[in-house]
Amino acid sequence: MNTAELLQRALKFDFLSKEEGVFLYHNAATAELAYVANELRKVQVPSGKVTWQIDRNVNTTNVCIANCKFCNFFRRPGHDESYITDIETYKVKIEETFRLGGDQLLLQGGHHPDLGLSFYANLFKELKELYPDLKLHALGPPEIAHVAKLEGISHTEVLKELKANGMDSLPGAGAEILNDRVRRLISKGKCGGQEWLDVMRAAHQLDITTSATMMFGHVETIEERFEHLVWIREVQSEKPEHAKGFLAFIPWPFQDDGTLLKRLRGISNNVSGDEYVRMLALSRIMLPNVKNIQASWLTVGKSVAQMCLHAGANDFGSIIIEENVVSAAGAPHRFTAQGIQNAIKEAGFEPQLRGQQYNYRDLPAHLEEQVITY
């Protein structure tokens, strides 16, 4: 293999193999990877704008039986601190989100052993009846797989019912690394990698827009990272012509503070800023059929995320009015609406507010600025 030849093929939007991606990871200079990824971004997103979003991560419940070793958020059934969010709490959070210019909830929770399809369908229906303009970016493939197992029905049947009751899009949560060797070590209670991909296939058949993620920098090999990228690309290639499929890909490094992985196995997040920029650039290179690549400022901070805008990223994600899961593992970074726009401008780009479908939104005339309190 030859670095220059592989990068030339990448510039033509060729699908590089797992082995070729690994070769570039080990042999290409960061500047080379960033240049090629940036050129691909210019073709895929020619506006030169960097998109961002205002939404809020609200947890339906913190009860979970998946026992992921990187999660400090969950509580076991019956724990004194366990909860299921009630409708009055949703109202308060949604109305504040609207005041802060948001239009969406990212609704996620855990694998609650007693919350089946009717719970989520009724919740989505009630929220949409109360707030017809609210977008619900809800659950994730592991939760869909969990509900399907509880009900004894297919992923497609679960997704159809949720879509009919108000689910607008499906986040790419719970992907971590899709190889089952890794999943057995860090998230044994979740669906396997191929089932995660099968849920996404089913969503795309139903024209439900999705995203995909990768949490790296823990027990996975470099080969397993690139296997993950190739599998995402393959599922995107299978989507129906009418479907958007994976509208975005978000890679982010494992957050280790207080996690079982760190306390019991000594696994720490050693992903440097340079390695993150390289992996983000390689995500753009390996995923030529996924239009939007998001820099995870929440986990890597402002400066590294700004560098990613010159290395293939075209999106800065959300200001995240509320976020409890990744923050519980030590992610310290925060942005207000003004702060995220300033960061994008400092990097040399024009900020553009968007919705979940990457539709452009006008900035609300009276945008109440968020006060960072967490």
Foldseek 3Di string as FASTA:
>chain_A
DDQVVLLVCLLVVDADALVSLLCCLPDPDLVSLLQSLLSLLCVLPVPLFFEEAQEAEDEQWQAADQPFQLWPRHDHPPDPPTDGDDPVVVVVVVVVSVLQVHQEYEYEYYLHLPDALVNLLVVLLVVCVVPVRHAYQYYALQNLVSNCVSVVHDSLVSVVSNVVSHHQAYEQPPPAQQAVVVCVVGGVSTDHSVSRLVSLLSCLQVQHEYAHEYEDQWPDDSSSLSVRLLSQQVSLVPGDPVHLRHQEYEYAYRQAAPGSSCPPVVTHRPQDLSNLLSVQSSSSSNRSPHSAYEYACQHHNLPSRLVSSSRNHRYHYYQHLYDDIRVSSPRDDGAKPVRVQVSNVVSPGHYFYADPNRHTDDRDPNRDIRDDDD
